[in-house]
């Protein structure tokens, strides 16, 4: 399934508020959250999702009123020094 990276700005969000957003992402059934990265000082969050397509991910984010700054489809990844295509 295609993977996407979303970027979110967390304006004035507490750690508890961030934990609620993470819970919401992992509870999704139309898309699948795989990994969440947060920087509370800079107010940024990145989430790696699996989704059928970009439109499905955008639709889910909008339906949950989950603001996003950008979405990026992950086409290649490298974990061992070698570039591999992502399904």
Protein backbone atom coordinates (compact mmCIF):
# COMPACT_ATOMS: atom_id res chain seq x y z
CA UNK A 1 0.00 0.00 0.00
CA UNK A 2 1.33 3.50 -0.77
CA UNK A 3 2.97 5.39 2.08
CA UNK A 4 2.78 9.11 2.78
CA UNK A 5 4.44 11.57 5.12
CA UNK A 6 2.28 14.36 6.49
CA UNK A 7 3.54 17.51 8.20
CA UNK A 8 1.47 19.32 10.82
CA UNK A 9 1.92 22.56 12.77
CA UNK A 10 0.93 22.25 16.42
CA UNK A 11 0.12 25.78 17.55
CA UNK A 12 0.03 26.11 21.35
CA UNK A 13 -0.57 22.39 21.84
CA UNK A 14 0.19 20.68 25.13
CA UNK A 15 1.77 17.26 25.42
CA UNK A 16 -1.67 15.89 26.33
CA UNK A 17 -3.15 17.49 23.21
CA UNK A 18 -0.39 15.97 21.09
CA UNK A 19 -1.06 12.57 22.68
CA UNK A 20 -4.73 12.92 21.68
CA UNK A 21 -3.75 13.66 18.05
CA UNK A 22 -1.49 10.58 18.07
CA UNK A 23 -4.34 8.47 19.48
CA UNK A 24 -6.65 9.78 16.74
CA UNK A 25 -4.11 8.91 14.03
CA UNK A 26 -3.58 5.36 15.31
CA UNK A 27 -7.33 4.76 15.74
CA UNK A 28 -8.01 5.42 12.04
CA UNK A 29 -9.48 2.59 9.98
CA UNK A 30 -9.49 4.16 6.48
CA UNK A 31 -5.73 4.89 6.69
CA UNK A 32 -2.98 3.43 8.86
CA UNK A 33 -0.55 5.50 10.94
CA UNK A 34 2.85 3.78 10.98
CA UNK A 35 5.08 6.30 12.78
CA UNK A 36 4.73 9.67 14.49
CA UNK A 37 7.55 12.15 15.13
CA UNK A 38 7.04 15.30 17.24
CA UNK A 39 8.99 18.40 18.15
CA UNK A 40 7.00 20.27 20.78
CA UNK A 41 9.45 23.21 20.96
CA UNK A 42 9.04 23.98 17.27
CA UNK A 43 5.41 22.83 17.18
CA UNK A 44 5.84 20.33 14.34
CA UNK A 45 4.65 16.78 13.85
CA UNK A 46 5.36 14.29 11.06
CA UNK A 47 3.21 11.19 10.56
CA UNK A 48 3.95 8.30 8.25
CA UNK A 49 0.70 6.83 6.91
CA UNK A 50 -0.29 3.97 4.67
CA UNK A 51 -3.31 4.87 2.54
CA UNK A 52 -4.93 3.57 -0.65
CA UNK A 53 -4.13 6.90 -2.35
CA UNK A 54 -3.50 10.56 -1.58
CA UNK A 55 -7.18 11.46 -1.99
CA UNK A 56 -8.20 8.90 0.67
CA UNK A 57 -5.62 10.29 3.11
CA UNK A 58 -6.66 13.90 2.46
CA UNK A 59 -10.32 12.95 2.87
CA UNK A 60 -9.62 11.25 6.21
CA UNK A 61 -7.52 14.15 7.52
CA UNK A 62 -10.22 16.67 6.55
CA UNK A 63 -13.03 14.54 8.01
CA UNK A 64 -11.16 14.43 11.34
CA UNK A 65 -10.43 18.20 11.18
CA UNK A 66 -6.76 17.20 11.35
CA UNK A 67 -4.96 20.20 9.83
CA UNK A 68 -1.93 19.37 7.68
CA UNK A 69 0.68 21.60 6.09
CA UNK A 70 1.82 19.13 3.45
CA UNK A 71 1.57 15.55 2.20
CA UNK A 72 4.39 13.71 0.48
CA UNK A 73 4.14 10.29 -1.14
CA UNK A 74 7.15 8.19 -0.21
CA UNK A 75 8.52 6.66 -3.41
CA UNK A 76 11.94 5.47 -2.22
CA UNK A 77 13.55 4.72 1.13
CA UNK A 78 16.99 3.80 2.37
CA UNK A 79 17.68 1.91 5.61
CA UNK A 80 20.84 0.00 4.73
CA UNK A 81 22.67 2.42 2.44
CA UNK A 82 20.81 1.19 -0.65
CA UNK A 83 17.86 2.99 -2.22
CA UNK A 84 14.72 0.81 -2.50
CA UNK A 85 11.37 1.61 -4.11
CA UNK A 86 8.40 1.73 -1.74
CA UNK A 87 5.28 -0.22 -2.81
